[in-house]
């Protein structure tokens, strides 16, 4: 089966999900994106009124870069301070990848 970029296009969500997915996969056309599929793992969920719809940041995250925000989740996962089910899912994803 041939994999096409549309298989990983973020605009193709539609209504295919009944429950929020634990992982999402995207492929981008950017010059520095190369020919990769990028896997994103769910680490948090927020109420719409708790995150700025334009900046995609909470009040606590304002002034931080996306990389700084992402790095803030890593210690929680490594120390197992998040829900145990999430850690198991992350380990399973990376052990099969």
PDB file of N, CA and C in Angstrom:
ATOM      1  N   UNK A   1       0.842  -1.183   0.000  1.00  0.00           N
ATOM      2  CA  UNK A   1       0.000   0.000   0.000  1.00  0.00           C
ATOM      3  C   UNK A   1       0.885   1.243   0.000  1.00  0.00           C
ATOM      4  N   UNK A   2       0.622   2.139  -0.872  1.00  0.00           N
ATOM      5  CA  UNK A   2       1.375   3.375  -0.968  1.00  0.00           C
ATOM      6  C   UNK A   2       0.891   4.364   0.088  1.00  0.00           C
ATOM      7  N   UNK A   3       1.840   4.960   0.805  1.00  0.00           N
ATOM      8  CA  UNK A   3       1.513   5.982   1.795  1.00  0.00           C
ATOM      9  C   UNK A   3       1.613   7.336   1.122  1.00  0.00           C
ATOM     10  N   UNK A   4       0.578   8.133   1.245  1.00  0.00           N
ATOM     11  CA  UNK A   4       0.597   9.466   0.655  1.00  0.00           C
ATOM     12  C   UNK A   4       0.589  10.501   1.768  1.00  0.00           C
ATOM     13  N   UNK A   5       0.982  11.718   1.434  1.00  0.00           N
ATOM     14  CA  UNK A   5       0.990  12.779   2.443  1.00  0.00           C
ATOM     15  C   UNK A   5      -0.397  13.025   3.001  1.00  0.00           C
ATOM     16  N   UNK A   6      -1.437  12.784   2.206  1.00  0.00           N
ATOM     17  CA  UNK A   6      -2.788  13.015   2.715  1.00  0.00           C
ATOM     18  C   UNK A   6      -3.150  12.040   3.836  1.00  0.00           C
ATOM     19  N   UNK A   7      -2.435  10.908   3.916  1.00  0.00           N
ATOM     20  CA  UNK A   7      -2.671   9.978   5.022  1.00  0.00           C
ATOM     21  C   UNK A   7      -2.335  10.616   6.367  1.00  0.00           C
ATOM     22  N   UNK A   8      -1.493  11.636   6.358  1.00  0.00           N
ATOM     23  CA  UNK A   8      -1.045  12.289   7.580  1.00  0.00           C
ATOM     24  C   UNK A   8      -1.328  13.784   7.574  1.00  0.00           C
ATOM     25  N   UNK A   9      -2.327  14.213   6.815  1.00  0.00           N
ATOM     26  CA  UNK A   9      -2.666  15.620   6.695  1.00  0.00           C
ATOM     27  C   UNK A   9      -3.555  16.041   7.864  1.00  0.00           C
ATOM     28  N   UNK A  10      -3.140  17.037   8.660  1.00  0.00           N
ATOM     29  CA  UNK A  10      -3.948  17.452   9.810  1.00  0.00           C
ATOM     30  C   UNK A  10      -5.318  18.002   9.433  1.00  0.00           C
ATOM     31  N   UNK A  11      -5.532  18.357   8.158  1.00  0.00           N
ATOM     32  CA  UNK A  11      -6.835  18.876   7.743  1.00  0.00           C
ATOM     33  C   UNK A  11      -7.843  17.755   7.494  1.00  0.00           C
ATOM     34  N   UNK A  12      -7.417  16.504   7.582  1.00  0.00           N
ATOM     35  CA  UNK A  12      -8.283  15.366   7.265  1.00  0.00           C
ATOM     36  C   UNK A  12      -8.935  14.751   8.509  1.00  0.00           C
ATOM     37  N   UNK A  13      -9.037  15.497   9.589  1.00  0.00           N
ATOM     38  CA  UNK A  13      -9.644  14.942  10.808  1.00  0.00           C
ATOM     39  C   UNK A  13     -11.105  14.606  10.607  1.00  0.00           C
ATOM     40  N   UNK A  14     -11.845  15.564  10.081  1.00  0.00           N
ATOM     41  CA  UNK A  14     -13.268  15.336   9.889  1.00  0.00           C
ATOM     42  C   UNK A  14     -13.920  14.900  11.190  1.00  0.00           C
ATOM     43  N   UNK A  15     -14.790  13.923  11.102  1.00  0.00           N
ATOM     44  CA  UNK A  15     -15.458  13.422  12.306  1.00  0.00           C
ATOM     45  C   UNK A  15     -15.115  11.958  12.538  1.00  0.00           C
ATOM     46  N   UNK A  16     -13.888  11.576  12.206  1.00  0.00           N
ATOM     47  CA  UNK A  16     -13.509  10.169  12.306  1.00  0.00           C
ATOM     48  C   UNK A  16     -13.266   9.703  13.740  1.00  0.00           C
ATOM     49  N   UNK A  17     -13.129  10.609  14.690  1.00  0.00           N
ATOM     50  CA  UNK A  17     -12.842  10.197  16.056  1.00  0.00           C
ATOM     51  C   UNK A  17     -14.064  10.325  16.952  1.00  0.00           C
ATOM     52  N   UNK A  18     -14.438   9.235  17.611  1.00  0.00           N
ATOM     53  CA  UNK A  18     -15.501   9.269  18.608  1.00  0.00           C
ATOM     54  C   UNK A  18     -14.910   9.631  19.965  1.00  0.00           C
ATOM     55  N   UNK A  19     -13.674   9.203  20.218  1.00  0.00           N
ATOM     56  CA  UNK A  19     -12.930   9.518  21.434  1.00  0.00           C
ATOM     57  C   UNK A  19     -11.623  10.178  21.017  1.00  0.00           C
ATOM     58  N   UNK A  20     -11.070  11.036  21.869  1.00  0.00           N
ATOM     59  CA  UNK A  20      -9.808  11.676  21.493  1.00  0.00           C
ATOM     60  C   UNK A  20      -8.691  10.637  21.355  1.00  0.00           C
ATOM     61  N   UNK A  21      -7.896  10.721  20.295  1.00  0.00           N
ATOM     62  CA  UNK A  21      -6.815   9.748  20.103  1.00  0.00           C
ATOM     63  C   UNK A  21      -5.654  10.008  21.056  1.00  0.00           C
ATOM     64  N   UNK A  22      -4.922   8.956  21.404  1.00  0.00           N
ATOM     65  CA  UNK A  22      -3.738   9.090  22.253  1.00  0.00           C
ATOM     66  C   UNK A  22      -2.526   9.534  21.462  1.00  0.00           C
ATOM     67  N   UNK A  23      -2.538   9.281  20.155  1.00  0.00           N
ATOM     68  CA  UNK A  23      -1.436   9.724  19.294  1.00  0.00           C
ATOM     69  C   UNK A  23      -2.016  10.303  18.005  1.00  0.00           C
ATOM     70  N   UNK A  24      -1.294  11.236  17.444  1.00  0.00           N
ATOM     71  CA  UNK A  24      -1.628  11.804  16.138  1.00  0.00           C
ATOM     72  C   UNK A  24      -0.373  11.764  15.285  1.00  0.00           C
ATOM     73  N   UNK A  25      -0.557  11.611  13.989  1.00  0.00           N
ATOM     74  CA  UNK A  25       0.572  11.527  13.064  1.00  0.00           C
ATOM     75  C   UNK A  25       0.361  12.532  11.935  1.00  0.00           C
ATOM     76  N   UNK A  26       1.398  13.325  11.673  1.00  0.00           N
ATOM     77  CA  UNK A  26       1.325  14.341  10.632  1.00  0.00           C
ATOM     78  C   UNK A  26       2.549  14.260   9.730  1.00  0.00           C
ATOM     79  N   UNK A  27       2.356  14.667   8.497  1.00  0.00           N
ATOM     80  CA  UNK A  27       3.471  14.836   7.573  1.00  0.00           C
ATOM     81  C   UNK A  27       3.346  16.237   6.996  1.00  0.00           C
ATOM     82  N   UNK A  28       4.440  16.983   7.052  1.00  0.00           N
ATOM     83  CA  UNK A  28       4.425  18.384   6.639  1.00  0.00           C
ATOM     84  C   UNK A  28       5.245  18.585   5.378  1.00  0.00           C
ATOM     85  N   UNK A  29       4.919  19.654   4.630  1.00  0.00           N
ATOM     86  CA  UNK A  29       5.607  19.958   3.384  1.00  0.00           C
ATOM     87  C   UNK A  29       6.767  20.936   3.550  1.00  0.00           C
ATOM     88  N   UNK A  30       7.021  21.417   4.741  1.00  0.00           N
ATOM     89  CA  UNK A  30       8.051  22.426   4.951  1.00  0.00           C
ATOM     90  C   UNK A  30       9.425  21.979   4.482  1.00  0.00           C
ATOM     91  N   UNK A  31      10.237  22.938   4.081  1.00  0.00           N
ATOM     92  CA  UNK A  31      11.571  22.659   3.548  1.00  0.00           C
ATOM     93  C   UNK A  31      12.416  21.872   4.549  1.00  0.00           C
ATOM     94  N   UNK A  32      12.341  22.212   5.819  1.00  0.00           N
ATOM     95  CA  UNK A  32      13.163  21.542   6.828  1.00  0.00           C
ATOM     96  C   UNK A  32      12.462  20.343   7.472  1.00  0.00           C
ATOM     97  N   UNK A  33      11.277  19.986   6.993  1.00  0.00           N
ATOM     98  CA  UNK A  33      10.530  18.856   7.565  1.00  0.00           C
ATOM     99  C   UNK A  33      11.002  17.518   7.013  1.00  0.00           C
ATOM    100  N   UNK A  34      11.653  17.544   5.874  1.00  0.00           N
ATOM    101  CA  UNK A  34      12.152  16.342   5.221  1.00  0.00           C
ATOM    102  C   UNK A  34      10.999  15.372   4.968  1.00  0.00           C
ATOM    103  N   UNK A  35      11.293  14.155   4.678  1.00  0.00           N
ATOM    104  CA  UNK A  35      10.270  13.163   4.350  1.00  0.00           C
ATOM    105  C   UNK A  35      10.006  12.281   5.573  1.00  0.00           C
ATOM    106  N   UNK A  36       9.437  12.873   6.612  1.00  0.00           N
ATOM    107  CA  UNK A  36       9.148  12.147   7.844  1.00  0.00           C
ATOM    108  C   UNK A  36       7.676  12.255   8.196  1.00  0.00           C
ATOM    109  N   UNK A  37       7.209  11.284   8.962  1.00  0.00           N
ATOM    110  CA  UNK A  37       5.909  11.363   9.603  1.00  0.00           C
ATOM    111  C   UNK A  37       6.206  11.687  11.060  1.00  0.00           C
ATOM    112  N   UNK A  38       5.556  12.718  11.573  1.00  0.00           N
ATOM    113  CA  UNK A  38       5.796  13.158  12.944  1.00  0.00           C
ATOM    114  C   UNK A  38       4.691  12.613  13.842  1.00  0.00           C
ATOM    115  N   UNK A  39       5.092  11.960  14.939  1.00  0.00           N
ATOM    116  CA  UNK A  39       4.143  11.375  15.883  1.00  0.00           C
ATOM    117  C   UNK A  39       4.063  12.274  17.114  1.00  0.00           C
ATOM    118  N   UNK A  40       2.831  12.610  17.491  1.00  0.00           N
ATOM    119  CA  UNK A  40       2.585  13.425  18.665  1.00  0.00           C
ATOM    120  C   UNK A  40       1.773  12.604  19.660  1.00  0.00           C
ATOM    121  N   UNK A  41       2.200  12.635  20.918  1.00  0.00           N
ATOM    122  CA  UNK A  41       1.548  11.867  21.972  1.00  0.00           C
ATOM    123  C   UNK A  41       0.776  12.810  22.880  1.00  0.00           C
ATOM    124  N   UNK A  42      -0.434  12.421  23.228  1.00  0.00           N
ATOM    125  CA  UNK A  42      -1.261  13.223  24.129  1.00  0.00           C
ATOM    126  C   UNK A  42      -0.620  13.277  25.513  1.00  0.00           C
ATOM    127  N   UNK A  43      -0.359  14.479  26.009  1.00  0.00           N
ATOM    128  CA  UNK A  43       0.203  14.637  27.350  1.00  0.00           C
ATOM    129  C   UNK A  43      -0.682  15.462  28.260  1.00  0.00           C
ATOM    130  N   UNK A  44      -1.687  16.103  27.694  1.00  0.00           N
ATOM    131  CA  UNK A  44      -2.525  16.976  28.506  1.00  0.00           C
ATOM    132  C   UNK A  44      -3.836  17.234  27.782  1.00  0.00           C
ATOM    133  N   UNK A  45      -4.831  17.634  28.536  1.00  0.00           N
ATOM    134  CA  UNK A  45      -6.062  18.122  27.931  1.00  0.00           C
ATOM    135  C   UNK A  45      -6.494  19.338  28.733  1.00  0.00           C
ATOM    136  N   UNK A  46      -7.010  20.336  28.027  1.00  0.00           N
ATOM    137  CA  UNK A  46      -7.343  21.614  28.641  1.00  0.00           C
ATOM    138  C   UNK A  46      -8.744  22.041  28.232  1.00  0.00           C
ATOM    139  N   UNK A  47      -9.423  22.727  29.114  1.00  0.00           N
ATOM    140  CA  UNK A  47     -10.707  23.328  28.766  1.00  0.00           C
ATOM    141  C   UNK A  47     -10.432  24.501  27.820  1.00  0.00           C
ATOM    142  N   UNK A  48     -11.303  24.734  26.855  1.00  0.00           N
ATOM    143  CA  UNK A  48     -11.070  25.815  25.885  1.00  0.00           C
ATOM    144  C   UNK A  48     -10.865  27.186  26.524  1.00  0.00           C
ATOM    145  N   UNK A  49     -11.493  27.450  27.663  1.00  0.00           N
ATOM    146  CA  UNK A  49     -11.326  28.758  28.301  1.00  0.00           C
ATOM    147  C   UNK A  49     -10.028  28.864  29.094  1.00  0.00           C
ATOM    148  N   UNK A  50      -9.231  27.806  29.148  1.00  0.00           N
ATOM    149  CA  UNK A  50      -7.964  27.811  29.880  1.00  0.00           C
ATOM    150  C   UNK A  50      -6.751  27.935  28.966  1.00  0.00           C
ATOM    151  N   UNK A  51      -6.996  28.057  27.651  1.00  0.00           N
ATOM    152  CA  UNK A  51      -5.889  28.175  26.707  1.00  0.00           C
ATOM    153  C   UNK A  51      -6.248  29.245  25.667  1.00  0.00           C
ATOM    154  N   UNK A  52      -5.270  30.054  25.316  1.00  0.00           N
ATOM    155  CA  UNK A  52      -5.482  31.102  24.325  1.00  0.00           C
ATOM    156  C   UNK A  52      -5.612  30.466  22.945  1.00  0.00           C
ATOM    157  N   UNK A  53      -6.702  30.752  22.260  1.00  0.00           N
ATOM    158  CA  UNK A  53      -6.960  30.100  20.971  1.00  0.00           C
ATOM    159  C   UNK A  53      -5.972  30.515  19.886  1.00  0.00           C
ATOM    160  N   UNK A  54      -5.349  31.671  20.029  1.00  0.00           N
ATOM    161  CA  UNK A  54      -4.379  32.128  19.017  1.00  0.00           C
ATOM    162  C   UNK A  54      -2.960  31.642  19.328  1.00  0.00           C
ATOM    163  N   UNK A  55      -2.508  31.842  20.563  1.00  0.00           N
ATOM    164  CA  UNK A  55      -1.135  31.460  20.913  1.00  0.00           C
ATOM    165  C   UNK A  55      -1.008  29.992  21.285  1.00  0.00           C
ATOM    166  N   UNK A  56      -2.140  29.337  21.617  1.00  0.00           N
ATOM    167  CA  UNK A  56      -2.176  27.946  22.072  1.00  0.00           C
ATOM    168  C   UNK A  56      -1.393  27.771  23.376  1.00  0.00           C
ATOM    169  N   UNK A  57      -1.414  28.810  24.219  1.00  0.00           N
ATOM    170  CA  UNK A  57      -0.695  28.780  25.489  1.00  0.00           C
ATOM    171  C   UNK A  57      -1.638  29.116  26.637  1.00  0.00           C
ATOM    172  N   UNK A  58      -1.358  28.521  27.807  1.00  0.00           N
ATOM    173  CA  UNK A  58      -2.097  28.867  29.014  1.00  0.00           C
ATOM    174  C   UNK A  58      -1.460  30.119  29.612  1.00  0.00           C
ATOM    175  N   UNK A  59      -2.083  30.676  30.640  1.00  0.00           N
ATOM    176  CA  UNK A  59      -1.506  31.865  31.290  1.00  0.00           C
ATOM    177  C   UNK A  59      -0.107  31.574  31.808  1.00  0.00           C
ATOM    178  N   UNK A  60       0.110  30.387  32.341  1.00  0.00           N
ATOM    179  CA  UNK A  60       1.420  30.021  32.897  1.00  0.00           C
ATOM    180  C   UNK A  60       2.482  29.850  31.808  1.00  0.00           C
ATOM    181  N   UNK A  61       2.048  29.593  30.583  1.00  0.00           N
ATOM    182  CA  UNK A  61       2.983  29.331  29.494  1.00  0.00           C
ATOM    183  C   UNK A  61       3.334  30.567  28.674  1.00  0.00           C
ATOM    184  N   UNK A  62       2.621  31.660  28.875  1.00  0.00           N
ATOM    185  CA  UNK A  62       2.911  32.882  28.121  1.00  0.00           C
ATOM    186  C   UNK A  62       4.370  33.273  28.308  1.00  0.00           C
ATOM    187  N   UNK A  63       5.032  33.621  27.231  1.00  0.00           N
ATOM    188  CA  UNK A  63       6.441  33.997  27.291  1.00  0.00           C
ATOM    189  C   UNK A  63       7.390  32.822  27.102  1.00  0.00           C
ATOM    190  N   UNK A  64       6.862  31.597  27.089  1.00  0.00           N
ATOM    191  CA  UNK A  64       7.698  30.416  26.873  1.00  0.00           C
ATOM    192  C   UNK A  64       7.594  29.986  25.417  1.00  0.00           C
ATOM    193  N   UNK A  65       8.663  29.383  24.917  1.00  0.00           N
ATOM    194  CA  UNK A  65       8.643  28.846  23.556  1.00  0.00           C
ATOM    195  C   UNK A  65       7.934  27.490  23.568  1.00  0.00           C
ATOM    196  N   UNK A  66       7.552  27.023  22.402  1.00  0.00           N
ATOM    197  CA  UNK A  66       6.936  25.706  22.297  1.00  0.00           C
ATOM    198  C   UNK A  66       7.841  24.607  22.829  1.00  0.00           C
ATOM    199  N   UNK A  67       9.127  24.753  22.567  1.00  0.00           N
ATOM    200  CA  UNK A  67      10.099  23.757  23.041  1.00  0.00           C
ATOM    201  C   UNK A  67      10.172  23.762  24.571  1.00  0.00           C
ATOM    202  N   UNK A  68      10.132  24.948  25.180  1.00  0.00           N
ATOM    203  CA  UNK A  68      10.150  25.032  26.648  1.00  0.00           C
ATOM    204  C   UNK A  68       8.896  24.401  27.253  1.00  0.00           C
ATOM    205  N   UNK A  69       7.768  24.607  26.606  1.00  0.00           N
ATOM    206  CA  UNK A  69       6.515  24.016  27.088  1.00  0.00           C
ATOM    207  C   UNK A  69       6.596  22.494  26.979  1.00  0.00           C
ATOM    208  N   UNK A  70       7.041  21.991  25.839  1.00  0.00           N
ATOM    209  CA  UNK A  70       7.157  20.545  25.645  1.00  0.00           C
ATOM    210  C   UNK A  70       8.130  19.933  26.645  1.00  0.00           C
ATOM    211  N   UNK A  71       9.253  20.589  26.874  1.00  0.00           N
ATOM    212  CA  UNK A  71      10.245  20.075  27.825  1.00  0.00           C
ATOM    213  C   UNK A  71       9.700  20.033  29.247  1.00  0.00           C
ATOM    214  N   UNK A  72       8.702  20.864  29.537  1.00  0.00           N
ATOM    215  CA  UNK A  72       8.085  20.848  30.858  1.00  0.00           C
ATOM    216  C   UNK A  72       7.320  19.565  31.136  1.00  0.00           C
ATOM    217  N   UNK A  73       6.868  18.879  30.098  1.00  0.00           N
ATOM    218  CA  UNK A  73       6.145  17.625  30.274  1.00  0.00           C
ATOM    219  C   UNK A  73       7.076  16.436  30.456  1.00  0.00           C
ATOM    220  N   UNK A  74       8.266  16.489  29.898  1.00  0.00           N
ATOM    221  CA  UNK A  74       9.176  15.346  29.923  1.00  0.00           C
ATOM    222  C   UNK A  74       9.522  14.876  31.331  1.00  0.00           C
ATOM    223  N   UNK A  75       9.910  15.765  32.255  1.00  0.00           N
ATOM    224  CA  UNK A  75      10.222  15.282  33.612  1.00  0.00           C
ATOM    225  C   UNK A  75       9.033  14.601  34.289  1.00  0.00           C
ATOM    226  N   UNK A  76       7.826  15.057  34.024  1.00  0.00           N
ATOM    227  CA  UNK A  76       6.644  14.441  34.633  1.00  0.00           C
ATOM    228  C   UNK A  76       6.469  13.010  34.147  1.00  0.00           C
ATOM    229  N   UNK A  77       6.725  12.795  32.866  1.00  0.00           N
ATOM    230  CA  UNK A  77       6.595  11.454  32.304  1.00  0.00           C
ATOM    231  C   UNK A  77       7.707  10.557  32.848  1.00  0.00           C
ATOM    232  N   UNK A  78       8.928  11.065  32.888  1.00  0.00           N
ATOM    233  CA  UNK A  78      10.053  10.262  33.359  1.00  0.00           C
ATOM    234  C   UNK A  78       9.940   9.911  34.842  1.00  0.00           C
ATOM    235  N   UNK A  79       9.386  10.817  35.636  1.00  0.00           N
ATOM    236  CA  UNK A  79       9.225  10.573  37.079  1.00  0.00           C
ATOM    237  C   UNK A  79       7.912   9.883  37.399  1.00  0.00           C
ATOM    238  N   UNK A  80       7.121   9.601  36.367  1.00  0.00           N
ATOM    239  CA  UNK A  80       5.831   8.949  36.509  1.00  0.00           C
ATOM    240  C   UNK A  80       4.885   9.732  37.413  1.00  0.00           C
ATOM    241  N   UNK A  81       4.878  11.068  37.222  1.00  0.00           N
ATOM    242  CA  UNK A  81       3.976  11.923  37.980  1.00  0.00           C
ATOM    243  C   UNK A  81       2.689  12.212  37.208  1.00  0.00           C
ATOM    244  N   UNK A  82       2.552  11.586  36.068  1.00  0.00           N
ATOM    245  CA  UNK A  82       1.306  11.702  35.318  1.00  0.00           C
ATOM    246  C   UNK A  82       0.496  10.438  35.566  1.00  0.00           C
ATOM    247  N   UNK A  83      -0.663  10.358  34.966  1.00  0.00           N
ATOM    248  CA  UNK A  83      -1.481   9.161  35.127  1.00  0.00           C
ATOM    249  C   UNK A  83      -0.705   7.939  34.658  1.00  0.00           C
ATOM    250  N   UNK A  84      -0.752   6.876  35.428  1.00  0.00           N
ATOM    251  CA  UNK A  84      -0.016   5.669  35.094  1.00  0.00           C
ATOM    252  C   UNK A  84      -0.411   5.135  33.722  1.00  0.00           C
ATOM    253  N   UNK A  85      -1.690   5.197  33.390  1.00  0.00           N
ATOM    254  CA  UNK A  85      -2.143   4.720  32.084  1.00  0.00           C
ATOM    255  C   UNK A  85      -1.457   5.447  30.944  1.00  0.00           C
ATOM    256  N   UNK A  86      -1.230   6.747  31.088  1.00  0.00           N
ATOM    257  CA  UNK A  86      -0.566   7.519  30.050  1.00  0.00           C
ATOM    258  C   UNK A  86       0.877   7.055  29.880  1.00  0.00           C
ATOM    259  N   UNK A  87       1.569   6.818  30.966  1.00  0.00           N
ATOM    260  CA  UNK A  87       2.963   6.365  30.894  1.00  0.00           C
ATOM    261  C   UNK A  87       3.037   5.011  30.198  1.00  0.00           C
ATOM    262  N   UNK A  88       2.132   4.110  30.552  1.00  0.00           N
ATOM    263  CA  UNK A  88       2.107   2.803  29.901  1.00  0.00           C
ATOM    264  C   UNK A  88       1.866   2.939  28.405  1.00  0.00           C
ATOM    265  N   UNK A  89       0.959   3.835  28.017  1.00  0.00           N
ATOM    266  CA  UNK A  89       0.675   4.041  26.602  1.00  0.00           C
ATOM    267  C   UNK A  89       1.899   4.588  25.874  1.00  0.00           C
ATOM    268  N   UNK A  90       2.588   5.537  26.502  1.00  0.00           N
ATOM    269  CA  UNK A  90       3.785   6.115  25.879  1.00  0.00           C
ATOM    270  C   UNK A  90       4.860   5.048  25.716  1.00  0.00           C
ATOM    271  N   UNK A  91       5.092   4.240  26.761  1.00  0.00           N
ATOM    272  CA  UNK A  91       6.092   3.175  26.664  1.00  0.00           C
ATOM    273  C   UNK A  91       5.728   2.186  25.559  1.00  0.00           C
ATOM    274  N   UNK A  92       4.443   1.846  25.459  1.00  0.00           N
ATOM    275  CA  UNK A  92       3.994   0.897  24.440  1.00  0.00           C
ATOM    276  C   UNK A  92       4.214   1.475  23.048  1.00  0.00           C
ATOM    277  N   UNK A  93       3.911   2.732  22.862  1.00  0.00           N
ATOM    278  CA  UNK A  93       4.080   3.384  21.559  1.00  0.00           C
ATOM    279  C   UNK A  93       5.538   3.343  21.135  1.00  0.00           C
ATOM    280  N   UNK A  94       6.444   3.683  22.061  1.00  0.00           N
ATOM    281  CA  UNK A  94       7.850   3.748  21.696  1.00  0.00           C
ATOM    282  C   UNK A  94       8.510   2.377  21.619  1.00  0.00           C
ATOM    283  N   UNK A  95       7.968   1.396  22.304  1.00  0.00           N
ATOM    284  CA  UNK A  95       8.547   0.049  22.204  1.00  0.00           C
ATOM    285  C   UNK A  95       8.157  -0.622  20.890  1.00  0.00           C
ATOM    286  N   UNK A  96       7.016  -0.211  20.309  1.00  0.00           N
ATOM    287  CA  UNK A  96       6.579  -0.768  19.030  1.00  0.00           C
ATOM    288  C   UNK A  96       7.088   0.025  17.844  1.00  0.00           C
ATOM    289  N   UNK A  97       7.638   1.217  18.104  1.00  0.00           N
ATOM    290  CA  UNK A  97       7.992   2.115  17.027  1.00  0.00           C
ATOM    291  C   UNK A  97       9.302   1.833  16.442  1.00  0.00           C
TER     292      UNK A  97
END
